[in-house]
Amino acid sequence: MRHLIFAAALLCLLPSCILARRTQNEPLDPKHIAMLAPGKTTALQTV
């Protein structure tokens, strides 16, 4: 019975691990961050 409960819990948690790995953002580039100016940089320029 313990093995069944453990397997069920593992199967419930496994998809969340895969989803978290795929939705991780890329690191921010310090050169691009330095170019941002509050009140001057538009949203289009940041993309």
N, C-alpha and C. Protein backbone atom coordinates (compact mmCIF):
# COMPACT_ATOMS: atom_id res chain seq x y z
N MET A 1 0.82 -1.19 0.00
CA MET A 1 0.00 0.00 0.00
C MET A 1 0.87 1.26 0.00
N ARG A 2 1.98 1.22 0.74
CA ARG A 2 2.86 2.40 0.79
C ARG A 2 3.43 2.72 -0.59
N HIS A 3 3.77 1.67 -1.33
CA HIS A 3 4.34 1.88 -2.66
C HIS A 3 3.33 2.54 -3.59
N LEU A 4 2.08 2.18 -3.46
CA LEU A 4 1.04 2.77 -4.29
C LEU A 4 0.86 4.25 -3.97
N ILE A 5 0.86 4.59 -2.70
CA ILE A 5 0.73 6.00 -2.30
C ILE A 5 1.94 6.80 -2.76
N PHE A 6 3.12 6.23 -2.60
CA PHE A 6 4.34 6.91 -3.04
C PHE A 6 4.32 7.13 -4.55
N ALA A 7 3.93 6.10 -5.31
CA ALA A 7 3.88 6.22 -6.77
C ALA A 7 2.86 7.25 -7.20
N ALA A 8 1.71 7.30 -6.53
CA ALA A 8 0.68 8.28 -6.87
C ALA A 8 1.17 9.70 -6.58
N ALA A 9 1.84 9.88 -5.45
CA ALA A 9 2.36 11.21 -5.11
C ALA A 9 3.44 11.63 -6.10
N LEU A 10 4.28 10.70 -6.49
CA LEU A 10 5.34 11.00 -7.45
C LEU A 10 4.76 11.38 -8.81
N LEU A 11 3.74 10.66 -9.24
CA LEU A 11 3.11 10.96 -10.53
C LEU A 11 2.40 12.31 -10.51
N CYS A 12 1.90 12.72 -9.37
CA CYS A 12 1.25 14.04 -9.26
C CYS A 12 2.26 15.17 -9.31
N LEU A 13 3.44 14.96 -8.76
CA LEU A 13 4.45 16.02 -8.67
C LEU A 13 5.36 16.09 -9.89
N LEU A 14 5.49 15.02 -10.63
CA LEU A 14 6.40 14.98 -11.77
C LEU A 14 6.10 16.02 -12.85
N PRO A 15 4.85 16.22 -13.28
CA PRO A 15 4.58 17.22 -14.32
C PRO A 15 4.96 18.65 -13.90
N SER A 16 4.83 18.97 -12.62
CA SER A 16 5.18 20.32 -12.19
C SER A 16 6.68 20.57 -12.32
N CYS A 17 7.50 19.56 -12.14
CA CYS A 17 8.94 19.69 -12.29
C CYS A 17 9.29 19.98 -13.75
N ILE A 18 8.66 19.27 -14.66
CA ILE A 18 8.92 19.48 -16.08
C ILE A 18 8.43 20.85 -16.52
N LEU A 19 7.27 21.27 -16.02
CA LEU A 19 6.73 22.58 -16.37
C LEU A 19 7.64 23.69 -15.87
N ALA A 20 8.19 23.56 -14.68
CA ALA A 20 9.07 24.59 -14.12
C ALA A 20 10.35 24.72 -14.94
N ARG A 21 10.87 23.63 -15.45
CA ARG A 21 12.11 23.69 -16.24
C ARG A 21 11.87 24.40 -17.57
N ARG A 22 10.69 24.28 -18.14
CA ARG A 22 10.41 24.88 -19.45
C ARG A 22 10.03 26.34 -19.36
N THR A 23 9.59 26.82 -18.22
CA THR A 23 9.15 28.20 -18.10
C THR A 23 10.19 29.11 -17.47
N GLN A 24 11.40 28.63 -17.32
CA GLN A 24 12.46 29.44 -16.70
C GLN A 24 12.94 30.49 -17.69
N ASN A 25 13.09 31.71 -17.24
CA ASN A 25 13.52 32.81 -18.09
C ASN A 25 15.02 32.78 -18.32
N GLU A 26 15.44 33.42 -19.40
CA GLU A 26 16.87 33.55 -19.68
C GLU A 26 17.47 34.61 -18.76
N PRO A 27 18.75 34.51 -18.45
CA PRO A 27 19.39 35.52 -17.59
C PRO A 27 19.39 36.90 -18.25
N LEU A 28 19.31 37.93 -17.44
CA LEU A 28 19.33 39.30 -17.96
C LEU A 28 20.76 39.70 -18.32
N ASP A 29 20.91 40.42 -19.41
CA ASP A 29 22.22 40.88 -19.87
C ASP A 29 22.53 42.24 -19.24
N PRO A 30 23.60 42.36 -18.48
CA PRO A 30 23.92 43.63 -17.83
C PRO A 30 24.08 44.80 -18.81
N LYS A 31 24.54 44.53 -20.02
CA LYS A 31 24.70 45.62 -21.00
C LYS A 31 23.35 46.20 -21.40
N HIS A 32 22.35 45.34 -21.55
CA HIS A 32 21.02 45.82 -21.91
C HIS A 32 20.35 46.54 -20.76
N ILE A 33 20.59 46.07 -19.55
CA ILE A 33 20.01 46.72 -18.37
C ILE A 33 20.58 48.13 -18.21
N ALA A 34 21.85 48.30 -18.49
CA ALA A 34 22.49 49.61 -18.36
C ALA A 34 21.92 50.62 -19.36
N MET A 35 21.39 50.13 -20.48
CA MET A 35 20.85 51.03 -21.50
C MET A 35 19.46 51.56 -21.15
N LEU A 36 18.79 50.97 -20.16
CA LEU A 36 17.45 51.40 -19.78
C LEU A 36 17.51 52.69 -18.98
N ALA A 37 16.65 53.63 -19.32
CA ALA A 37 16.60 54.91 -18.61
C ALA A 37 15.17 55.15 -18.14
N PRO A 38 14.97 55.31 -16.84
CA PRO A 38 13.62 55.55 -16.34
C PRO A 38 12.99 56.79 -16.97
N GLY A 39 11.79 56.64 -17.48
CA GLY A 39 11.08 57.77 -18.08
C GLY A 39 11.44 58.03 -19.53
N LYS A 40 12.44 57.36 -20.08
CA LYS A 40 12.87 57.60 -21.45
C LYS A 40 12.73 56.35 -22.32
N THR A 41 13.04 55.19 -21.77
CA THR A 41 13.01 53.94 -22.54
C THR A 41 11.55 53.49 -22.70
N THR A 42 11.15 53.17 -23.94
CA THR A 42 9.79 52.71 -24.19
C THR A 42 9.72 51.18 -24.05
N ALA A 43 8.52 50.68 -23.96
CA ALA A 43 8.34 49.22 -23.86
C ALA A 43 8.83 48.54 -25.12
N LEU A 44 8.65 49.15 -26.25
CA LEU A 44 9.09 48.56 -27.51
C LEU A 44 10.61 48.44 -27.56
N GLN A 45 11.33 49.36 -26.98
CA GLN A 45 12.78 49.34 -26.97
C GLN A 45 13.33 48.24 -26.04
N THR A 46 12.56 47.82 -25.08
CA THR A 46 13.04 46.83 -24.13
C THR A 46 12.92 45.40 -24.64
N VAL A 47 12.09 45.19 -25.63
CA VAL A 47 11.85 43.81 -26.12
C VAL A 47 12.94 43.39 -27.06
